[in-house]
Each structure stands twice: as C-alpha cells, then as structure tokens.
C-alpha atoms as a PDB file:
ATOM      1  CA  MET A   1      -2.567  -8.630  70.266  1.00  0.00           C
ATOM      2  CA  THR A   2      -2.456  -5.090  71.371  1.00  0.00           C
ATOM      3  CA  LEU A   3      -4.357  -3.814  74.609  1.00  0.00           C
ATOM      4  CA  SER A   4      -6.301  -0.772  74.173  1.00  0.00           C
ATOM      5  CA  LEU A   5      -6.719   1.163  77.596  1.00  0.00           C
ATOM      6  CA  GLU A   6      -9.752   3.347  77.931  1.00  0.00           C
ATOM      7  CA  LEU A   7      -8.745   6.844  79.401  1.00  0.00           C
ATOM      8  CA  THR A   8     -10.557   8.747  81.566  1.00  0.00           C
ATOM      9  CA  TRP A   9     -10.251  12.435  80.873  1.00  0.00           C
ATOM     10  CA  THR A  10     -10.719  14.880  84.223  1.00  0.00           C
ATOM     11  CA  ALA A  11     -10.846  18.722  83.686  1.00  0.00           C
ATOM     12  CA  VAL A  12      -8.247  20.079  85.686  1.00  0.00           C
ATOM     13  CA  CYS A  13      -8.072  24.018  84.916  1.00  0.00           C
ATOM     14  CA  ALA A  14      -8.469  26.527  82.122  1.00  0.00           C
ATOM     15  CA  VAL A  15      -5.335  27.371  79.493  1.00  0.00           C
ATOM     16  CA  GLU A  16      -4.667  30.433  81.068  1.00  0.00           C
ATOM     17  CA  ASP A  17      -4.368  29.210  84.511  1.00  0.00           C
ATOM     18  CA  VAL A  18      -1.175  27.372  83.212  1.00  0.00           C
ATOM     19  CA  PRO A  19       1.724  29.797  82.956  1.00  0.00           C
ATOM     20  CA  MET A  20       3.532  29.837  79.774  1.00  0.00           C
ATOM     21  CA  GLY A  21       7.192  27.878  80.443  1.00  0.00           C
ATOM     22  CA  ALA A  22       5.971  26.463  83.892  1.00  0.00           C
ATOM     23  CA  GLY A  23       3.699  24.385  85.538  1.00  0.00           C
ATOM     24  CA  VAL A  24       0.660  23.687  87.632  1.00  0.00           C
ATOM     25  CA  ALA A  25      -0.450  20.991  90.286  1.00  0.00           C
ATOM     26  CA  ALA A  26      -3.572  19.245  89.993  1.00  0.00           C
ATOM     27  CA  LEU A  27      -5.399  16.175  91.706  1.00  0.00           C
ATOM     28  CA  LEU A  28      -7.075  13.211  90.108  1.00  0.00           C
ATOM     29  CA  ALA A  29      -9.135  10.660  91.436  1.00  0.00           C
ATOM     30  CA  GLY A  30      -7.642   8.339  93.868  1.00  0.00           C
ATOM     31  CA  ASP A  31      -5.432  11.077  95.239  1.00  0.00           C
ATOM     32  CA  VAL A  32      -2.945  11.021  92.266  1.00  0.00           C
ATOM     33  CA  GLN A  33      -0.686  14.138  91.939  1.00  0.00           C
ATOM     34  CA  VAL A  34       0.038  15.533  88.367  1.00  0.00           C
ATOM     35  CA  ALA A  35       1.962  18.431  87.121  1.00  0.00           C
ATOM     36  CA  ILE A  36       0.929  19.828  84.072  1.00  0.00           C
ATOM     37  CA  PHE A  37       3.315  22.072  82.083  1.00  0.00           C
ATOM     38  CA  ARG A  38       2.352  24.557  79.438  1.00  0.00           C
ATOM     39  CA  LEU A  39       5.483  25.262  76.356  1.00  0.00           C
ATOM     40  CA  PRO A  40       5.536  27.999  73.438  1.00  0.00           C
ATOM     41  CA  GLY A  41       2.824  26.832  71.025  1.00  0.00           C
ATOM     42  CA  ASP A  42       0.517  25.995  74.041  1.00  0.00           C
ATOM     43  CA  GLU A  43       2.031  22.362  74.092  1.00  0.00           C
ATOM     44  CA  PHE A  44       0.680  20.707  77.069  1.00  0.00           C
ATOM     45  CA  HIS A  45       2.421  17.785  79.079  1.00  0.00           C
ATOM     46  CA  ALA A  46       1.736  15.947  82.249  1.00  0.00           C
ATOM     47  CA  LEU A  47       3.994  14.296  84.721  1.00  0.00           C
ATOM     48  CA  SER A  48       3.334  12.437  87.915  1.00  0.00           C
ATOM     49  CA  ASN A  49       3.993  15.563  90.948  1.00  0.00           C
ATOM     50  CA  MET A  50       6.042  13.083  93.010  1.00  0.00           C
ATOM     51  CA  ASP A  51       9.705  13.493  92.658  1.00  0.00           C
ATOM     52  CA  PRO A  52      11.187  10.111  92.911  1.00  0.00           C
ATOM     53  CA  PHE A  53      14.697  11.203  94.388  1.00  0.00           C
ATOM     54  CA  SER A  54      13.118  12.951  97.091  1.00  0.00           C
ATOM     55  CA  GLY A  55       9.338  11.495  97.429  1.00  0.00           C
ATOM     56  CA  ALA A  56       8.133  15.284  97.740  1.00  0.00           C
ATOM     57  CA  ALA A  57       5.331  16.464  95.306  1.00  0.00           C
ATOM     58  CA  VAL A  58       7.227  19.292  94.035  1.00  0.00           C
ATOM     59  CA  LEU A  59       7.712  18.928  90.057  1.00  0.00           C
ATOM     60  CA  ALA A  60       5.460  20.994  89.252  1.00  0.00           C
ATOM     61  CA  ARG A  61       7.034  23.972  90.891  1.00  0.00           C
ATOM     62  CA  GLY A  62      10.469  22.827  88.982  1.00  0.00           C
ATOM     63  CA  ILE A  63      12.158  24.968  86.322  1.00  0.00           C
ATOM     64  CA  VAL A  64      11.269  23.937  82.489  1.00  0.00           C
ATOM     65  CA  GLY A  65      13.586  24.159  79.835  1.00  0.00           C
ATOM     66  CA  ASP A  66      15.600  22.249  77.195  1.00  0.00           C
ATOM     67  CA  ALA A  67      17.851  19.771  77.078  1.00  0.00           C
ATOM     68  CA  ALA A  68      19.550  18.923  73.839  1.00  0.00           C
ATOM     69  CA  GLY A  69      15.979  19.815  72.140  1.00  0.00           C
ATOM     70  CA  ALA A  70      14.220  17.709  74.675  1.00  0.00           C
ATOM     71  CA  PRO A  71      11.543  19.683  76.993  1.00  0.00           C
ATOM     72  CA  MET A  72      12.060  18.994  80.524  1.00  0.00           C
ATOM     73  CA  VAL A  73      11.895  20.118  84.100  1.00  0.00           C
ATOM     74  CA  THR A  74      14.023  20.126  86.826  1.00  0.00           C
ATOM     75  CA  SER A  75      13.213  18.919  90.401  1.00  0.00           C
ATOM     76  CA  PRO A  76      13.352  21.957  92.761  1.00  0.00           C
ATOM     77  CA  VAL A  77      14.806  19.502  95.539  1.00  0.00           C
ATOM     78  CA  TYR A  78      17.810  17.217  94.055  1.00  0.00           C
ATOM     79  CA  LYS A  79      18.084  19.308  90.631  1.00  0.00           C
ATOM     80  CA  GLN A  80      17.562  15.801  88.565  1.00  0.00           C
ATOM     81  CA  ARG A  81      15.843  16.529  84.781  1.00  0.00           C
ATOM     82  CA  PHE A  82      12.958  14.858  83.548  1.00  0.00           C
ATOM     83  CA  ASP A  83      12.072  14.660  80.024  1.00  0.00           C
ATOM     84  CA  LEU A  84       8.525  15.979  79.425  1.00  0.00           C
ATOM     85  CA  ARG A  85       7.633  13.897  76.744  1.00  0.00           C
ATOM     86  CA  THR A  86       8.513  10.497  78.202  1.00  0.00           C
ATOM     87  CA  GLY A  87       9.320  11.284  82.172  1.00  0.00           C
ATOM     88  CA  ALA A  88      12.794   9.630  81.882  1.00  0.00           C
ATOM     89  CA  CYS A  89      15.173  11.151  83.993  1.00  0.00           C
ATOM     90  CA  LEU A  90      17.953  12.608  82.311  1.00  0.00           C
ATOM     91  CA  ASP A  91      20.240  11.970  84.992  1.00  0.00           C
ATOM     92  CA  ASP A  92      19.724   8.767  85.802  1.00  0.00           C
ATOM     93  CA  GLU A  93      18.712   6.340  83.076  1.00  0.00           C
ATOM     94  CA  GLU A  94      17.416   3.749  85.369  1.00  0.00           C
ATOM     95  CA  VAL A  95      14.561   6.294  86.961  1.00  0.00           C
ATOM     96  CA  SER A  96      11.215   7.950  85.613  1.00  0.00           C
ATOM     97  CA  VAL A  97       8.194   9.551  86.499  1.00  0.00           C
ATOM     98  CA  ARG A  98       4.619   8.519  85.210  1.00  0.00           C
ATOM     99  CA  THR A  99       3.592  10.598  82.004  1.00  0.00           C
ATOM    100  CA  PHE A 100      -0.410  11.650  81.833  1.00  0.00           C
ATOM    101  CA  ALA A 101      -2.086  12.130  78.018  1.00  0.00           C
ATOM    102  CA  VAL A 102      -3.473  15.442  77.757  1.00  0.00           C
ATOM    103  CA  ARG A 103      -5.571  17.467  75.651  1.00  0.00           C
ATOM    104  CA  VAL A 104      -7.338  20.761  75.345  1.00  0.00           C
ATOM    105  CA  THR A 105     -10.928  21.330  74.739  1.00  0.00           C
ATOM    106  CA  SER A 106     -12.735  24.509  74.307  1.00  0.00           C
ATOM    107  CA  GLY A 107      -9.671  26.236  76.801  1.00  0.00           C
ATOM    108  CA  VAL A 108     -10.043  23.685  79.158  1.00  0.00           C
ATOM    109  CA  VAL A 109      -7.109  21.019  80.149  1.00  0.00           C
ATOM    110  CA  HIS A 110      -7.992  17.454  80.761  1.00  0.00           C
ATOM    111  CA  VAL A 111      -5.462  15.003  81.796  1.00  0.00           C
ATOM    112  CA  GLY A 112      -6.243  11.505  81.037  1.00  0.00           C
ATOM    113  CA  SER A 113      -5.761   8.142  83.196  1.00  0.00           C
ATOM    114  CA  PRO A 114      -6.637   4.651  82.637  1.00  0.00           C
END
C-alpha cells in the first residue's frame, strides 16, 4: 500500500529574490522555517532552516557548494555540510534536516508541505 500525501503549496518569493548560489529564509504555516536555495540552471532546493547542531535558524545563510558532485550547504555555525537534495548531513550520517518540495510557477517559488 502506497501512502500519498497531498502537499500544500505556499508561494514564498519571486525567483529573482533568491540569489544564484545562495539561499533565503521563508516562513510557512505553523511557524515552519525553510531555507530555499537556487543553483545554476534555476534548480531550487528547500531544507529546514534549523541547524540541528546549534539549534539556530541559520542554514539559509550558509555557504552553497558542491561535495563530490552533491549540491550542499555548509552551516555558518559549526560548519557541518548538508546535501541539498536529501537533507543528509555529510559529516555525521546519523543527522539530517527535513527537505521540502519546491516548484516554480510563473516566476514564483512555491514550497510544498504536507
């Protein structure tokens, strides 16, 4: 049996509000903070903005880069790296952050949450 979750899509910003190779923070319903990242080719990813190591809402201000072909963000606090595709911590396999679906419609970035 496959469970299918219906996503609620929230318009968070215009595409041009997200700098290439960087992130911005947004607030979803329920005070859920997300970090939205824009990569070359207008590829977007969204993660929880909360750094699980420091407890601070800072991942949107992290440094975006590449680790062995995986797009990632480095936390500005303790420098752990997180895979933008999966949320997995590349420095501690037991830690991850939540990922969110992202879509762009008519130049607006939307984040999906259950």
